[in-house]
Amino acid sequence: MRMRRAIEAAVFATAIVAVVACVSVSGISAPARAQSQTQATMALPKDFRQWVFLTSGYSMSYDANAGAEANPRFENVFVNPSAYQAFLRTGSWPDKTVLVLESRNSDSKLSINKNGRVQTTPAGLSVHVKDAAEGGWTFYVFKGGAEQGALIPKSADCYSCHEQHGAVDTTFVQFYPTLIDIAKSKGTYKANAQ
């Protein structure tokens, strides 16, 4: 609940943007950090919608009262192709894994659709990056179509929540149906992931 609120607050309130650079790693654009006195940033991978699509959730939240909003959101998760291929082989995410969470608004009664909901406009983006040089996993949030995202501080609840509840290496593989059996077969799946 706290992680979701922290991400939404950052997405919809303010984001701090600084200068950023990209480096090429294994043929993909990987984030490079530009340090300032108080934050780090990363560039949004421009081609992330061409990456491997892992899952789409609907109105996912850690808040028991969520889901009643008038315009619930879809959350789409993408991963860079080289990290996906490594996961298929090992059941673990390699260094330089980049997971993009794209949140989209939804609507109903569009065109011939009478009852279901469809994805519409972007509502926010966050990125989860594995980088050994940065001490492991980091989170970045992108506000309103921004090309650069601000680092979410390590003190934010999203870090401890992912460590406590992530099924594989602090990631929510329990919500990625095509990867669950792979992680279990490789022995990397935390049986008590909730």
Foldseek 3Di string as FASTA:
>chain_A
DQVVVVQLCPQPPHFDDDDFDWDDDPNATFWDWDDDPPWTKTFDRPCQVVADKQDKDWQDDPDPPTDPDPWTKIKTKGKHHVQVVVCLVAVAGDARIKIKIWIFTWDAPPDPGHDDIDGDHTRWMKMWHAHVVVVGIWMWTDYDPDRMTITDDPPGPLQVCLVVAPQARSHVCVRRVVSPVSNVVNVRGDPPHD
